[in-house]
Amino acid sequence: MDLIASTPIGQPEGDAERRLREAAEWVVDTTEDGACQAQKSLLLLCMKIFPLWLLLLCIALGAIKLPFDIPGLDDLLM
């Protein structure tokens, strides 16, 4: 543990370094939960949008034919 808590040249941690470390730990502790929640929300949004995006891509590529005609879409595909 002394190796982790010391500076690269082996001196003990100074007052400024300790304050900086404590401030960094406080920032991580207070923002980690919010960042994880935002990441989960973004993943959920992407997982809900992906099937629709894949369906629209297949329609645009012509792999899936629609049972009705849309002149504007036909002009874009041709």
C-alpha atoms as a PDB file:
ATOM      1  CA  MET A   1       0.000   0.000   0.000  1.00  0.00           C
ATOM      2  CA  ASP A   2       2.928   2.344   0.609  1.00  0.00           C
ATOM      3  CA  LEU A   3       3.914   1.987  -3.037  1.00  0.00           C
ATOM      4  CA  ILE A   4       0.504   3.216  -4.194  1.00  0.00           C
ATOM      5  CA  ALA A   5       0.306   6.073  -1.683  1.00  0.00           C
ATOM      6  CA  SER A   6       3.754   7.440  -2.442  1.00  0.00           C
ATOM      7  CA  THR A   7       5.111   9.657  -5.188  1.00  0.00           C
ATOM      8  CA  PRO A   8       7.180   8.144  -7.998  1.00  0.00           C
ATOM      9  CA  ILE A   9      10.446   8.933  -6.239  1.00  0.00           C
ATOM     10  CA  GLY A  10       9.342   7.207  -3.034  1.00  0.00           C
ATOM     11  CA  GLN A  11       8.554  10.243  -0.897  1.00  0.00           C
ATOM     12  CA  PRO A  12       5.412  10.206   1.256  1.00  0.00           C
ATOM     13  CA  GLU A  13       2.297  11.933  -0.034  1.00  0.00           C
ATOM     14  CA  GLY A  14       2.331  15.675   0.607  1.00  0.00           C
ATOM     15  CA  ASP A  15      -0.538  17.835   1.825  1.00  0.00           C
ATOM     16  CA  ALA A  16      -1.337  19.213  -1.631  1.00  0.00           C
ATOM     17  CA  GLU A  17      -1.257  15.755  -3.188  1.00  0.00           C
ATOM     18  CA  ARG A  18      -3.543  14.397  -0.481  1.00  0.00           C
ATOM     19  CA  ARG A  19      -6.043  17.232  -1.003  1.00  0.00           C
ATOM     20  CA  LEU A  20      -5.950  16.711  -4.759  1.00  0.00           C
ATOM     21  CA  ARG A  21      -6.499  12.963  -4.337  1.00  0.00           C
ATOM     22  CA  GLU A  22      -9.383  13.509  -1.916  1.00  0.00           C
ATOM     23  CA  ALA A  23     -11.005  16.029  -4.275  1.00  0.00           C
ATOM     24  CA  ALA A  24     -10.708  13.581  -7.179  1.00  0.00           C
ATOM     25  CA  GLU A  25     -12.214  10.793  -5.074  1.00  0.00           C
ATOM     26  CA  TRP A  26     -15.100  13.090  -4.079  1.00  0.00           C
ATOM     27  CA  VAL A  27     -15.795  13.940  -7.737  1.00  0.00           C
ATOM     28  CA  VAL A  28     -15.802  10.257  -8.675  1.00  0.00           C
ATOM     29  CA  ASP A  29     -18.053   9.320  -5.764  1.00  0.00           C
ATOM     30  CA  THR A  30     -20.614  12.041  -6.501  1.00  0.00           C
ATOM     31  CA  THR A  31     -20.779  11.638 -10.291  1.00  0.00           C
ATOM     32  CA  GLU A  32     -20.358   7.896 -10.805  1.00  0.00           C
ATOM     33  CA  ASP A  33     -23.992   6.963 -10.128  1.00  0.00           C
ATOM     34  CA  GLY A  34     -25.321   9.636 -12.484  1.00  0.00           C
ATOM     35  CA  ALA A  35     -22.925   8.631 -15.238  1.00  0.00           C
ATOM     36  CA  CYS A  36     -23.872   4.962 -14.918  1.00  0.00           C
ATOM     37  CA  GLN A  37     -27.573   5.845 -15.020  1.00  0.00           C
ATOM     38  CA  ALA A  38     -27.068   7.993 -18.129  1.00  0.00           C
ATOM     39  CA  GLN A  39     -25.151   5.170 -19.797  1.00  0.00           C
ATOM     40  CA  LYS A  40     -27.976   2.716 -19.053  1.00  0.00           C
ATOM     41  CA  SER A  41     -30.554   5.170 -20.429  1.00  0.00           C
ATOM     42  CA  LEU A  42     -28.573   5.656 -23.624  1.00  0.00           C
ATOM     43  CA  LEU A  43     -28.171   1.897 -24.075  1.00  0.00           C
ATOM     44  CA  LEU A  44     -31.904   1.362 -23.542  1.00  0.00           C
ATOM     45  CA  LEU A  45     -32.726   4.069 -26.086  1.00  0.00           C
ATOM     46  CA  CYS A  46     -30.394   2.515 -28.656  1.00  0.00           C
ATOM     47  CA  MET A  47     -31.834  -0.954 -28.081  1.00  0.00           C
ATOM     48  CA  LYS A  48     -35.353   0.368 -28.659  1.00  0.00           C
ATOM     49  CA  ILE A  49     -34.413   2.313 -31.806  1.00  0.00           C
ATOM     50  CA  PHE A  50     -32.254  -0.413 -33.419  1.00  0.00           C
ATOM     51  CA  PRO A  51     -35.129  -2.691 -34.596  1.00  0.00           C
ATOM     52  CA  LEU A  52     -36.916   0.229 -36.252  1.00  0.00           C
ATOM     53  CA  TRP A  53     -33.680   1.426 -37.836  1.00  0.00           C
ATOM     54  CA  LEU A  54     -32.977  -2.092 -39.154  1.00  0.00           C
ATOM     55  CA  LEU A  55     -36.499  -2.373 -40.593  1.00  0.00           C
ATOM     56  CA  LEU A  56     -36.202   0.986 -42.352  1.00  0.00           C
ATOM     57  CA  LEU A  57     -32.770   0.037 -43.701  1.00  0.00           C
ATOM     58  CA  CYS A  58     -34.152  -3.209 -45.136  1.00  0.00           C
ATOM     59  CA  ILE A  59     -37.012  -1.290 -46.778  1.00  0.00           C
ATOM     60  CA  ALA A  60     -34.588   1.265 -48.229  1.00  0.00           C
ATOM     61  CA  LEU A  61     -32.331  -1.477 -49.608  1.00  0.00           C
ATOM     62  CA  GLY A  62     -35.292  -3.243 -51.162  1.00  0.00           C
ATOM     63  CA  ALA A  63     -34.931  -6.404 -49.102  1.00  0.00           C
ATOM     64  CA  ILE A  64     -38.466  -5.905 -47.795  1.00  0.00           C
ATOM     65  CA  LYS A  65     -41.181  -4.831 -50.211  1.00  0.00           C
ATOM     66  CA  LEU A  66     -44.077  -2.819 -48.846  1.00  0.00           C
ATOM     67  CA  PRO A  67     -47.592  -4.019 -49.793  1.00  0.00           C
ATOM     68  CA  PHE A  68     -48.510  -0.521 -51.010  1.00  0.00           C
ATOM     69  CA  ASP A  69     -46.896   2.113 -53.205  1.00  0.00           C
ATOM     70  CA  ILE A  70     -45.385   5.353 -51.977  1.00  0.00           C
ATOM     71  CA  PRO A  71     -44.360   7.444 -55.025  1.00  0.00           C
ATOM     72  CA  GLY A  72     -41.865   9.538 -53.083  1.00  0.00           C
ATOM     73  CA  LEU A  73     -40.159   6.440 -51.680  1.00  0.00           C
ATOM     74  CA  ASP A  74     -40.095   4.784 -55.100  1.00  0.00           C
ATOM     75  CA  ASP A  75     -38.372   7.859 -56.541  1.00  0.00           C
ATOM     76  CA  LEU A  76     -35.746   7.751 -53.809  1.00  0.00           C
ATOM     77  CA  LEU A  77     -35.046   4.052 -54.307  1.00  0.00           C
ATOM     78  CA  MET A  78     -34.794   4.157 -58.100  1.00  0.00           C
END
